[in-house]
Amino acid sequence: MHKGKKIVFDIAIIGAGASGLMLASNLKNQNICIIDSNSKIGEKIRVSGGAKCNITNEKVKASNYLGDKSFCENILKNFSNKELLNFLNQNGVHPKINPKIVKGTYFCNSSKDVIEMFSKLTTHVKKYLDTKVLDIEYDRDFTIITAKNTIKAKRVVVASGGLSYESLGASSFAFDIAKKFGHTLANTKPALVGFTVQKEQFWFKNLSGISTPVEIKVDNKSFFGSLLFAHKGCSGPAVLNSSLYWQKGKIVIDFLPNKKIGSFLQGNKKISTALPLPKRFLSEFLTSISLEDKSVNSLSKEEKNKLELLKNYQFSPAGTFGYTKAEVTSGGILLDEIDNSTFESKKQNRLFFIGECLDLTGELGGYNFQIVFSEAILCSKHLNSEVKDS
């Protein structure tokens, strides 16, 4: 069929992660290839959600995303969480809600189920794995230069993700190519990631491994969930969500959400026994505010006011744990330079960008898989019709 000639693919997809695999799965009867630096497909899917793949949420709205709301609404409207669940069920994957982990989040039985599903759905796709893309050039068609060979394609979809999880092949490639073809980038930063702390909060480090339910307020957003103390500072679902919206400055933690401290300050019990919080936590907290662990009925008004800090603990994180620990990258390619129904670049014909490289990032709880799958479906509809008509 292609004797002696280099194949010119109709579509080359760069990235065998969630968005690239969903796109490839929905491109039919075409000459397609997918290129990835990993030796296996779906490496980031494999580790997601504690290897159970937190794939969507029972409630998905544009307000769950940082980025252009109308752009986001258009994507979700065209492929909703219900449609994603139907797609998965039809292909033998049956996610269920696990409220013990993250409220409203659908988890799969195993991430392997999702990867196996995509393996079956992409048997028609030529796969170049363990192949690092170095550059893309354009002259009538695209020339994709890899460390092993060159690949020609009429259309290119960049779905290579962001900067998070370098150990799984993450790189700045999507951003570098976007800039090369004239795109503007919003500042990128690690997101859904733990906070490091300043000297005043070094006592957090003494509590590594302890978890407690909290409410965290940041940038007019409020998140309920667990806070996990870590040797670098703090993590856990509530912290990860907060990191998406945190720029610089203070966050506010309520260590007793939906409870009033006054209701516990009665009788002869010591503070560490009277308050419904881990004893080790209370010991470190009391030391940090220079308050003795004594009988609650002996507390002065000033000492009771000190304890109110538990309801309104304000501090400025020193920073985050960085890209190596971040679930996602926020920021990226500006959305007003991308067509919101095809994901084609407005700077370069037949070049498309989908996934984490775009300036649209979801909260913890399945929102990021949902949005990139929805983007891939929209993009596939356009590419199927475009290639058919060409």
Foldseek 3Di string as FASTA:
>chain_A
DQPPHADAFQEEEEALALLSLLLLLLFPPGRYAYEYQAQAGHPLLCPPPNQFGQAAFPDDALVQKDADRVLLVVLCVQAPPVNVQVVCVVLPWHWDDDVVAPPRTTTTPGSVSVSVSSVVSNPVYHYHYSWAFDAWDDDCWIWTDIPVGIHTYRFYEYAHAAQAAVVRVHDCVVQVHCVVLPFDWDDKWFALFAFAADPLQQLLLVQAADKAWKWKDDPNDIDTFIWGRHNRGIHGQNRRQRRVRDDWFKMWIQRDPPDDPVVQLDDFAWPLVSDPDHSSVVVSLCVSLVHDRGGSVPDDPVRVVSVCCNGTVMDITPGGPTRHGGSHMAIATHCVQAPSQAQAGVSDPSYGYAARRYNMGGGPRNNRSRSSSSNSVSNSVVSNVVVVVD
